[in-house]
Amino acid sequence: MAEAATGAVRVEKVRGRSALTRCFARYPLKLIAPSKVGPASCDAVWLYALTYGGGIVSGDTISCTVSVGDECTAAITTQASTKVYKAVDSKCSEQLLEARVGEDALLAVIPDPVTCFSTARYYQKQVFQVCANSNLVLVDWFTSGRYESGEKWDFSFYKSVNHIFLEDQPLFIDSVLLEQGSNCSIAERMQEYNVIAMVVLLGPKLRHIQDKMQEEVKRLMSGQLRPPTSGGSLYTMRSQPPQRPQQPPLVASCSLFGRTGTGVVARVAAVSTELVYSFLRHHLAALELFIGASPYAAS
């Protein structure tokens, strides 16, 4: 069995500012902490997580723990999509993240998508421990594979689990599982969509972003899913052959979670990665105020 790669990150207040007080990683995981991402006035620590070789090899297990101290701000991202290579002997590649977010702290997990190659097997689990006034941004998304090269939903197994606990009590539990079946393939179920994404916004600092995203998603979908109208008579409409409804290139939904509705989860399906990048860029732009840069701005 492959040895588990381990990473450990701690962000604490040092002289009144968020500072990286621990950053450890072992092969094949690598953590890069740039000295400056946003303006000097911004109090945020940035981390880039990547793997040597540009992807996750079959059988690899990569685990990482993150601690964001009280009143601190941290952003974790990637430099490109996380590639999961073909499975060898049905071995599964795994990524595990365990994070703790302190009082009045903010953690933004804003990676590029996971892209599984043909026959790949991938499992990831992310667990977040938060306080009553913690703030969390979580983007979890994946593509159908190298669909521009003809690999469309050709991987064998994909599972992503996200748990958020508020003072050891379950607050948000989500699981996505895609597995090739004998009766129906993943590609047949997904039809023309190539990207699936989930965005979680939790905490008082993010209330404005939550409200705006809910309003705009509702407006977007009410326009896209409104049934077409016709100026003809009822008889004219009946004489027309039935038409298959055209699927919109991007569909999205928003819902609240938590006892007092402190969290919002948005789910997106799109025909292309570019459409989801645009969605994330637009709806998360206001995070620049907290983390010093607009997520996905260069994508």
Protein backbone atom coordinates (compact mmCIF):
# COMPACT_ATOMS: atom_id res chain seq x y z
CA MET A 1 0.00 0.00 0.00
CA ALA A 2 1.26 3.47 -0.89
CA GLU A 3 2.44 5.56 2.03
CA ALA A 4 0.08 8.42 2.88
CA ALA A 5 1.33 11.88 2.05
CA THR A 6 0.79 14.22 4.96
CA GLY A 7 0.41 17.98 5.08
CA ALA A 8 -0.19 20.22 8.09
CA VAL A 9 -1.04 23.92 8.05
CA ARG A 10 -1.62 26.32 10.92
CA VAL A 11 -2.59 30.00 10.61
CA GLU A 12 -2.46 32.16 13.74
CA LYS A 13 -2.40 35.82 14.74
CA VAL A 14 1.15 37.16 14.95
CA ARG A 15 1.51 40.84 15.84
CA GLY A 16 -2.11 41.40 14.97
CA ARG A 17 -2.02 39.79 11.51
CA SER A 18 -2.81 36.37 10.07
CA ALA A 19 0.44 34.44 9.70
CA LEU A 20 1.47 30.96 8.64
CA THR A 21 3.03 29.41 11.74
CA ARG A 22 3.25 25.85 10.41
CA CYS A 23 3.46 24.53 6.87
CA PHE A 24 4.59 20.95 6.40
CA ALA A 25 4.16 18.58 3.47
CA ARG A 26 5.70 15.35 2.33
CA TYR A 27 5.92 13.84 -1.14
CA PRO A 28 3.90 13.79 -3.35
CA LEU A 29 2.08 16.73 -1.76
CA LYS A 30 3.58 20.20 -2.02
CA LEU A 31 2.33 23.40 -0.36
CA ILE A 32 3.36 26.82 -1.66
CA ALA A 33 2.76 29.95 0.41
CA PRO A 34 3.33 33.06 -1.75
CA SER A 35 4.53 36.08 0.19
CA LYS A 36 2.06 38.42 -1.49
CA VAL A 37 -1.18 37.79 -3.36
CA GLY A 38 -3.30 40.82 -2.58
CA PRO A 39 -2.53 44.34 -1.33
CA ALA A 40 -0.33 44.73 1.73
CA SER A 41 -3.32 45.97 3.72
CA CYS A 42 -5.12 42.64 3.26
CA ASP A 43 -4.86 40.32 6.24
CA ALA A 44 -4.97 36.90 4.58
CA VAL A 45 -2.70 33.87 4.11
CA TRP A 46 -2.74 32.11 0.73
CA LEU A 47 -1.72 28.51 0.09
CA TYR A 48 -1.37 26.60 -3.17
CA ALA A 49 -1.70 22.82 -2.92
CA LEU A 50 -0.19 20.73 -5.70
CA THR A 51 1.36 17.35 -6.35
CA TYR A 52 4.64 16.44 -7.95
CA GLY A 53 4.02 15.07 -11.43
CA GLY A 54 0.96 17.23 -11.92
CA GLY A 55 -1.61 14.74 -10.72
CA ILE A 56 -2.62 11.96 -8.35
CA VAL A 57 -1.31 8.51 -9.18
CA SER A 58 -3.42 5.40 -8.74
CA GLY A 59 -3.20 4.20 -5.14
CA ASP A 60 -1.92 7.50 -3.70
CA THR A 61 -3.46 8.83 -0.49
CA ILE A 62 -2.93 12.51 0.22
CA SER A 63 -4.06 13.85 3.59
CA CYS A 64 -3.85 17.35 5.02
CA THR A 65 -4.91 19.10 8.22
CA VAL A 66 -5.58 22.83 8.38
CA SER A 67 -6.12 25.03 11.43
CA VAL A 68 -7.26 28.64 11.04
CA GLY A 69 -7.04 30.47 14.36
CA ASP A 70 -9.47 32.99 15.81
CA GLU A 71 -9.93 36.13 13.69
CA CYS A 72 -7.57 34.79 10.99
CA THR A 73 -8.16 34.52 7.24
CA ALA A 74 -6.80 31.86 4.90
CA ALA A 75 -7.37 30.81 1.29
CA ILE A 76 -6.40 27.43 -0.15
CA THR A 77 -6.34 26.94 -3.91
CA THR A 78 -4.55 25.08 -6.70
CA GLN A 79 -2.51 26.12 -9.73
CA ALA A 80 -4.51 23.98 -12.17
CA SER A 81 -7.08 21.22 -12.22
CA THR A 82 -6.36 18.17 -10.06
CA LYS A 83 -5.70 15.34 -12.49
CA VAL A 84 -6.42 11.78 -11.37
CA TYR A 85 -4.57 9.28 -13.51
CA LYS A 86 -5.82 5.91 -14.73
CA ALA A 87 -6.41 3.23 -12.11
CA VAL A 88 -3.89 0.40 -11.90
CA ASP A 89 -5.26 -2.91 -10.58
CA SER A 90 -8.46 -1.09 -9.54
CA LYS A 91 -6.56 0.97 -6.95
CA CYS A 92 -8.33 4.12 -5.74
CA SER A 93 -6.66 7.53 -5.40
CA GLU A 94 -7.64 9.44 -2.26
CA GLN A 95 -7.52 12.99 -0.92
CA LEU A 96 -8.45 13.78 2.67
CA LEU A 97 -8.77 17.23 4.23
CA GLU A 98 -9.56 18.03 7.85
CA ALA A 99 -9.91 21.70 8.75
CA ARG A 100 -10.77 23.68 11.86
CA VAL A 101 -11.99 27.27 11.58
CA GLY A 102 -11.81 29.46 14.69
CA GLU A 103 -13.98 32.23 16.09
CA ASP A 104 -14.62 35.06 13.60
CA ALA A 105 -12.14 33.37 11.22
CA LEU A 106 -12.52 32.79 7.47
CA LEU A 107 -11.34 29.83 5.41
CA ALA A 108 -11.82 29.81 1.64
CA VAL A 109 -11.21 26.48 -0.12
CA ILE A 110 -11.31 27.51 -3.78
CA PRO A 111 -9.55 24.90 -5.94
CA ASP A 112 -9.69 24.23 -9.66
CA PRO A 113 -11.79 21.19 -10.63
CA VAL A 114 -10.89 17.53 -10.29
CA THR A 115 -10.42 15.84 -13.66
CA CYS A 116 -10.45 12.04 -13.67
CA PHE A 117 -8.85 10.23 -16.58
CA SER A 118 -10.37 7.17 -18.22
CA THR A 119 -10.79 4.21 -15.78
CA ALA A 120 -9.65 6.38 -12.82
CA ARG A 121 -10.97 5.67 -9.33
CA TYR A 122 -11.07 8.64 -6.94
CA TYR A 123 -12.33 9.31 -3.43
CA GLN A 124 -12.11 12.50 -1.42
CA LYS A 125 -13.38 13.48 2.00
CA GLN A 126 -13.33 16.96 3.53
CA VAL A 127 -14.32 17.59 7.14
CA PHE A 128 -14.68 21.07 8.62
CA GLN A 129 -15.04 21.95 12.31
CA VAL A 130 -16.52 25.43 12.73
CA CYS A 131 -17.69 27.75 15.52
CA ALA A 132 -20.96 29.68 15.67
CA ASN A 133 -19.41 32.74 13.98
CA SER A 134 -16.86 30.99 11.76
CA ASN A 135 -16.90 31.73 8.03
CA LEU A 136 -16.33 29.11 5.35
CA VAL A 137 -16.25 29.17 1.56
CA LEU A 138 -16.04 25.74 -0.05
CA VAL A 139 -15.94 25.06 -3.77
CA ASP A 140 -16.02 21.37 -4.71
CA TRP A 141 -16.24 20.57 -8.40
CA PHE A 142 -15.23 18.06 -11.04
CA THR A 143 -15.35 17.56 -14.80
CA SER A 144 -16.29 14.65 -17.02
CA GLY A 145 -12.60 14.11 -17.77
CA ARG A 146 -10.59 15.16 -20.80
CA TYR A 147 -13.82 15.68 -22.71
CA GLU A 148 -12.21 17.78 -25.43
CA SER A 149 -10.08 14.70 -26.24
CA GLY A 150 -13.06 12.38 -26.30
CA GLU A 151 -12.90 11.12 -22.70
CA LYS A 152 -16.35 11.96 -21.38
CA TRP A 153 -17.40 10.41 -18.06
CA ASP A 154 -15.04 7.49 -18.75
CA PHE A 155 -13.71 7.16 -15.20
CA SER A 156 -14.77 4.15 -13.15
CA PHE A 157 -15.51 5.65 -9.74
CA TYR A 158 -15.80 9.10 -8.18
CA LYS A 159 -16.91 9.92 -4.66
CA SER A 160 -16.72 13.22 -2.80
CA VAL A 161 -17.88 13.63 0.81
CA ASN A 162 -18.14 16.97 2.63
CA HIS A 163 -19.01 17.27 6.33
CA ILE A 164 -19.34 20.47 8.36
CA PHE A 165 -19.64 20.19 12.14
CA LEU A 166 -20.70 23.03 14.42
CA GLU A 167 -19.21 22.36 17.84
CA ASP A 168 -19.19 18.60 17.11
CA GLN A 169 -22.80 18.60 15.91
CA PRO A 170 -23.52 17.83 12.22
CA LEU A 171 -24.40 21.00 10.33
CA PHE A 172 -23.97 19.99 6.68
CA ILE A 173 -23.40 16.52 5.23
CA ASP A 174 -23.11 15.98 1.49
CA SER A 175 -21.98 13.05 -0.62
CA VAL A 176 -21.64 12.66 -4.39
CA LEU A 177 -21.11 9.22 -5.91
CA LEU A 178 -20.69 8.36 -9.58
CA GLU A 179 -19.93 4.78 -10.59
CA GLN A 180 -20.20 2.98 -13.88
CA GLY A 181 -23.21 0.67 -13.88
CA SER A 182 -24.15 -2.32 -16.00
CA ASN A 183 -27.52 -0.87 -16.97
CA CYS A 184 -26.67 2.81 -17.36
CA SER A 185 -23.31 4.51 -17.79
CA ILE A 186 -22.36 7.80 -16.14
CA ALA A 187 -22.31 9.47 -19.57
CA GLU A 188 -25.91 8.41 -20.25
CA ARG A 189 -27.02 9.88 -16.92
CA MET A 190 -25.14 13.15 -17.36
CA GLN A 191 -26.22 13.66 -21.00
CA GLU A 192 -24.51 16.77 -22.41
CA TYR A 193 -23.27 18.19 -19.11
CA ASN A 194 -19.52 18.02 -18.45
CA VAL A 195 -19.05 19.86 -15.16
CA ILE A 196 -20.67 19.49 -11.74
CA ALA A 197 -19.97 22.02 -8.97
CA MET A 198 -21.02 22.79 -5.42
CA VAL A 199 -20.45 26.08 -3.59
CA VAL A 200 -20.96 26.37 0.18
CA LEU A 201 -21.09 29.78 1.88
CA LEU A 202 -21.31 29.81 5.66
CA GLY A 203 -20.98 32.57 8.24
CA PRO A 204 -21.97 36.15 9.06
CA LYS A 205 -19.21 37.79 6.99
CA LEU A 206 -20.61 36.18 3.85
CA ARG A 207 -24.25 37.19 4.28
CA HIS A 208 -24.16 39.74 1.47
CA ILE A 209 -22.58 37.24 -0.94
CA GLN A 210 -25.15 34.61 0.07
CA ASP A 211 -28.12 36.91 -0.51
CA LYS A 212 -26.85 38.15 -3.86
CA MET A 213 -26.10 34.67 -5.15
CA GLN A 214 -29.55 33.39 -4.16
CA GLU A 215 -31.26 36.29 -5.92
CA GLU A 216 -29.21 35.99 -9.10
CA VAL A 217 -29.51 32.21 -9.35
CA LYS A 218 -33.27 32.45 -8.92
CA ARG A 219 -33.47 35.11 -11.62
CA LEU A 220 -31.20 33.13 -13.96
CA MET A 221 -33.14 29.90 -13.68
CA SER A 222 -36.58 31.48 -13.83
CA GLY A 223 -35.58 32.89 -17.21
CA GLN A 224 -33.93 29.74 -18.55
CA LEU A 225 -36.56 27.26 -17.42
CA ARG A 226 -39.64 29.31 -18.34
CA PRO A 227 -41.68 27.32 -20.91
CA PRO A 228 -41.71 28.88 -24.38
CA THR A 229 -44.84 30.72 -25.48
CA SER A 230 -46.45 30.78 -28.87
CA GLY A 231 -48.51 33.43 -30.58
CA GLY A 232 -50.57 30.83 -32.47
CA SER A 233 -53.91 29.38 -31.51
CA LEU A 234 -54.41 26.23 -29.49
CA TYR A 235 -55.09 24.27 -32.67
CA THR A 236 -51.95 25.60 -34.30
CA MET A 237 -49.89 24.48 -31.33
CA ARG A 238 -51.42 21.00 -31.42
CA SER A 239 -50.59 20.60 -35.08
CA GLN A 240 -46.90 21.14 -34.35
CA PRO A 241 -44.86 17.97 -33.82
CA PRO A 242 -43.67 17.57 -30.20
CA GLN A 243 -40.22 19.08 -29.67
CA ARG A 244 -37.64 17.93 -27.21
CA PRO A 245 -37.03 20.75 -24.71
CA GLN A 246 -33.64 22.35 -25.17
CA GLN A 247 -31.37 21.93 -22.17
CA PRO A 248 -29.79 25.18 -20.91
CA PRO A 249 -25.97 25.23 -21.00
CA LEU A 250 -25.86 25.89 -17.25
CA VAL A 251 -28.36 25.01 -14.54
CA ALA A 252 -28.05 26.06 -10.92
CA SER A 253 -29.94 25.94 -7.64
CA CYS A 254 -29.55 27.50 -4.18
CA SER A 255 -30.79 26.35 -0.80
CA LEU A 256 -30.30 27.25 2.85
CA PHE A 257 -28.94 24.95 5.54
CA GLY A 258 -28.43 25.22 9.28
CA ARG A 259 -30.99 25.77 12.02
CA THR A 260 -31.15 29.51 11.38
CA GLY A 261 -30.30 29.42 7.69
CA THR A 262 -26.75 30.65 8.23
CA GLY A 263 -25.43 28.62 5.30
CA VAL A 264 -26.17 28.58 1.58
CA VAL A 265 -25.30 25.79 -0.85
CA ALA A 266 -25.38 26.30 -4.60
CA ARG A 267 -25.24 23.43 -7.07
CA VAL A 268 -24.29 23.87 -10.71
CA ALA A 269 -24.20 21.67 -13.81
CA ALA A 270 -22.75 23.02 -17.05
CA VAL A 271 -21.68 21.89 -20.47
CA SER A 272 -18.19 23.43 -20.16
CA THR A 273 -15.57 24.29 -17.57
CA GLU A 274 -15.47 27.87 -18.82
CA LEU A 275 -19.12 28.44 -17.88
CA VAL A 276 -18.50 27.31 -14.30
CA TYR A 277 -15.34 29.43 -14.04
CA SER A 278 -17.46 32.40 -15.11
CA PHE A 279 -20.15 31.53 -12.55
CA LEU A 280 -17.60 31.27 -9.73
CA ARG A 281 -15.72 34.36 -10.81
CA HIS A 282 -18.90 36.42 -10.74
CA HIS A 283 -20.47 35.13 -7.54
CA LEU A 284 -17.26 35.01 -5.47
CA ALA A 285 -15.78 38.31 -6.64
CA ALA A 286 -16.75 40.02 -3.38
CA LEU A 287 -14.35 37.72 -1.50
CA GLU A 288 -11.57 40.02 -2.68
CA LEU A 289 -12.46 42.27 0.26
CA PHE A 290 -11.44 39.49 2.68
CA ILE A 291 -8.70 37.53 0.88
CA GLY A 292 -7.12 40.27 -1.21
CA ALA A 293 -7.82 38.82 -4.66
CA SER A 294 -10.85 37.77 -6.64
CA PRO A 295 -11.10 33.95 -6.91
CA TYR A 296 -10.69 32.48 -10.38
CA ALA A 297 -9.91 35.91 -11.83
CA ALA A 298 -7.05 34.55 -13.97
CA SER A 299 -8.87 31.39 -15.07
